[in-house]
Amino acid sequence: MTKLTPILLPVMAMVAGCASAVGPSQSDLATVLQAPPSDIRGLRCYDIPEEPTEFGCRYDIRDATRGWVQQEIMLAVDGSAWLVIDGPGTPYPE
């Protein structure tokens, strides 16, 4: 295994560098939801193959009691702005 380490590390670094984020950033979502970015965690977005400008996102957001609530939202990018297509407010199953 030690002989493979010098080879694998550069390859892993290249793969990690090629990975790109899908959908809005946590800051973008916070802007759309008019919430502090610190009140959002676990953002996971996925693309919609039929609609290249639309994304679905799952995340946790703090509620009024400061507890975490799971939510899902559908967004579309319009130029440099994100628009809500559906949600937020739909809890998602784990």
C-alpha atoms as a PDB file:
ATOM      1  CA  MET A   1       0.000   0.000   0.000  1.00  0.00           C
ATOM      2  CA  THR A   2       2.835   2.420   0.746  1.00  0.00           C
ATOM      3  CA  LYS A   3       4.119   2.019  -2.824  1.00  0.00           C
ATOM      4  CA  LEU A   4       0.744   3.140  -4.202  1.00  0.00           C
ATOM      5  CA  THR A   5       0.452   6.210  -1.990  1.00  0.00           C
ATOM      6  CA  PRO A   6       2.814   8.419  -4.069  1.00  0.00           C
ATOM      7  CA  ILE A   7       0.804   7.534  -7.176  1.00  0.00           C
ATOM      8  CA  LEU A   8      -2.690   7.800  -5.677  1.00  0.00           C
ATOM      9  CA  LEU A   9      -2.317  11.146  -3.930  1.00  0.00           C
ATOM     10  CA  PRO A  10      -1.743  13.202  -7.113  1.00  0.00           C
ATOM     11  CA  VAL A  11      -4.564  11.348  -8.887  1.00  0.00           C
ATOM     12  CA  MET A  12      -6.950  11.956  -5.987  1.00  0.00           C
ATOM     13  CA  ALA A  13      -5.989  15.638  -5.952  1.00  0.00           C
ATOM     14  CA  MET A  14      -6.718  15.938  -9.693  1.00  0.00           C
ATOM     15  CA  VAL A  15     -10.108  14.250  -9.327  1.00  0.00           C
ATOM     16  CA  ALA A  16     -11.037  16.490  -6.399  1.00  0.00           C
ATOM     17  CA  GLY A  17      -9.994  19.540  -8.408  1.00  0.00           C
ATOM     18  CA  CYS A  18     -12.247  18.526 -11.296  1.00  0.00           C
ATOM     19  CA  ALA A  19     -15.318  18.130  -9.124  1.00  0.00           C
ATOM     20  CA  SER A  20     -17.676  21.069  -9.360  1.00  0.00           C
ATOM     21  CA  ALA A  21     -20.539  22.112  -7.157  1.00  0.00           C
ATOM     22  CA  VAL A  22     -24.025  21.478  -8.479  1.00  0.00           C
ATOM     23  CA  GLY A  23     -26.624  24.141  -7.929  1.00  0.00           C
ATOM     24  CA  PRO A  24     -26.566  27.134  -5.616  1.00  0.00           C
ATOM     25  CA  SER A  25     -24.041  27.682  -2.865  1.00  0.00           C
ATOM     26  CA  GLN A  26     -25.085  27.892   0.781  1.00  0.00           C
ATOM     27  CA  SER A  27     -24.764  31.672   0.509  1.00  0.00           C
ATOM     28  CA  ASP A  28     -26.993  31.723  -2.600  1.00  0.00           C
ATOM     29  CA  LEU A  29     -29.643  29.640  -0.851  1.00  0.00           C
ATOM     30  CA  ALA A  30     -29.489  31.864   2.231  1.00  0.00           C
ATOM     31  CA  THR A  31     -30.112  34.895   0.004  1.00  0.00           C
ATOM     32  CA  VAL A  32     -33.124  33.234  -1.646  1.00  0.00           C
ATOM     33  CA  LEU A  33     -34.545  32.179   1.726  1.00  0.00           C
ATOM     34  CA  GLN A  34     -33.645  35.501   3.369  1.00  0.00           C
ATOM     35  CA  ALA A  35     -31.907  33.591   6.162  1.00  0.00           C
ATOM     36  CA  PRO A  36     -28.424  33.843   7.653  1.00  0.00           C
ATOM     37  CA  PRO A  37     -26.035  31.331   6.006  1.00  0.00           C
ATOM     38  CA  SER A  38     -25.252  29.993   9.503  1.00  0.00           C
ATOM     39  CA  ASP A  39     -28.901  28.880   9.787  1.00  0.00           C
ATOM     40  CA  ILE A  40     -28.458  26.477   6.840  1.00  0.00           C
ATOM     41  CA  ARG A  41     -26.449  23.271   6.915  1.00  0.00           C
ATOM     42  CA  GLY A  42     -26.042  20.056   4.949  1.00  0.00           C
ATOM     43  CA  LEU A  43     -26.871  21.563   1.548  1.00  0.00           C
ATOM     44  CA  ARG A  44     -27.006  18.849  -1.110  1.00  0.00           C
ATOM     45  CA  CYS A  45     -28.172  19.773  -4.599  1.00  0.00           C
ATOM     46  CA  TYR A  46     -28.782  17.718  -7.710  1.00  0.00           C
ATOM     47  CA  ASP A  47     -29.337  18.715 -11.306  1.00  0.00           C
ATOM     48  CA  ILE A  48     -32.452  18.063 -13.360  1.00  0.00           C
ATOM     49  CA  PRO A  49     -31.197  16.477 -16.609  1.00  0.00           C
ATOM     50  CA  GLU A  50     -34.194  17.657 -18.662  1.00  0.00           C
ATOM     51  CA  GLU A  51     -33.801  21.251 -17.414  1.00  0.00           C
ATOM     52  CA  PRO A  52     -30.155  22.356 -17.271  1.00  0.00           C
ATOM     53  CA  THR A  53     -30.970  25.560 -15.362  1.00  0.00           C
ATOM     54  CA  GLU A  54     -33.024  23.829 -12.635  1.00  0.00           C
ATOM     55  CA  PHE A  55     -31.788  22.169  -9.453  1.00  0.00           C
ATOM     56  CA  GLY A  56     -33.302  20.383  -6.506  1.00  0.00           C
ATOM     57  CA  CYS A  57     -31.721  20.928  -3.097  1.00  0.00           C
ATOM     58  CA  ARG A  58     -32.069  19.307   0.296  1.00  0.00           C
ATOM     59  CA  TYR A  59     -30.844  21.065   3.394  1.00  0.00           C
ATOM     60  CA  ASP A  60     -31.454  21.647   7.088  1.00  0.00           C
ATOM     61  CA  ILE A  61     -32.578  25.060   8.330  1.00  0.00           C
ATOM     62  CA  ARG A  62     -33.096  26.386  11.834  1.00  0.00           C
ATOM     63  CA  ASP A  63     -36.709  26.901  12.842  1.00  0.00           C
ATOM     64  CA  ALA A  64     -38.157  29.403  15.321  1.00  0.00           C
ATOM     65  CA  THR A  65     -37.108  27.201  18.263  1.00  0.00           C
ATOM     66  CA  ARG A  66     -33.516  27.130  16.884  1.00  0.00           C
ATOM     67  CA  GLY A  67     -33.883  23.413  16.094  1.00  0.00           C
ATOM     68  CA  TRP A  68     -32.932  21.942  12.721  1.00  0.00           C
ATOM     69  CA  VAL A  69     -35.676  21.099  10.194  1.00  0.00           C
ATOM     70  CA  GLN A  70     -35.107  19.164   6.971  1.00  0.00           C
ATOM     71  CA  GLN A  71     -36.345  20.924   3.838  1.00  0.00           C
ATOM     72  CA  GLU A  72     -36.330  20.528   0.081  1.00  0.00           C
ATOM     73  CA  ILE A  73     -36.524  23.251  -2.572  1.00  0.00           C
ATOM     74  CA  MET A  74     -36.469  23.467  -6.370  1.00  0.00           C
ATOM     75  CA  LEU A  75     -34.540  26.398  -7.838  1.00  0.00           C
ATOM     76  CA  ALA A  76     -33.738  27.754 -11.280  1.00  0.00           C
ATOM     77  CA  VAL A  77     -30.895  30.036 -12.214  1.00  0.00           C
ATOM     78  CA  ASP A  78     -31.913  33.071 -14.249  1.00  0.00           C
ATOM     79  CA  GLY A  79     -28.780  34.927 -15.278  1.00  0.00           C
ATOM     80  CA  SER A  80     -27.025  35.487 -11.970  1.00  0.00           C
ATOM     81  CA  ALA A  81     -30.139  35.175  -9.760  1.00  0.00           C
ATOM     82  CA  TRP A  82     -31.716  32.080  -8.217  1.00  0.00           C
ATOM     83  CA  LEU A  83     -35.516  31.752  -8.370  1.00  0.00           C
ATOM     84  CA  VAL A  84     -37.704  29.416  -6.300  1.00  0.00           C
ATOM     85  CA  ILE A  85     -39.712  27.018  -8.463  1.00  0.00           C
ATOM     86  CA  ASP A  86     -41.177  24.909  -5.646  1.00  0.00           C
ATOM     87  CA  GLY A  87     -40.769  24.956  -1.863  1.00  0.00           C
ATOM     88  CA  PRO A  88     -39.333  25.536   0.600  1.00  0.00           C
ATOM     89  CA  GLY A  89     -41.169  23.709   3.270  1.00  0.00           C
ATOM     90  CA  THR A  90     -41.359  20.167   2.001  1.00  0.00           C
ATOM     91  CA  PRO A  91     -39.712  17.859   4.539  1.00  0.00           C
ATOM     92  CA  TYR A  92     -37.775  15.015   2.958  1.00  0.00           C
ATOM     93  CA  PRO A  93     -37.287  11.473   4.212  1.00  0.00           C
ATOM     94  CA  GLU A  94     -33.799  10.270   5.084  1.00  0.00           C
END
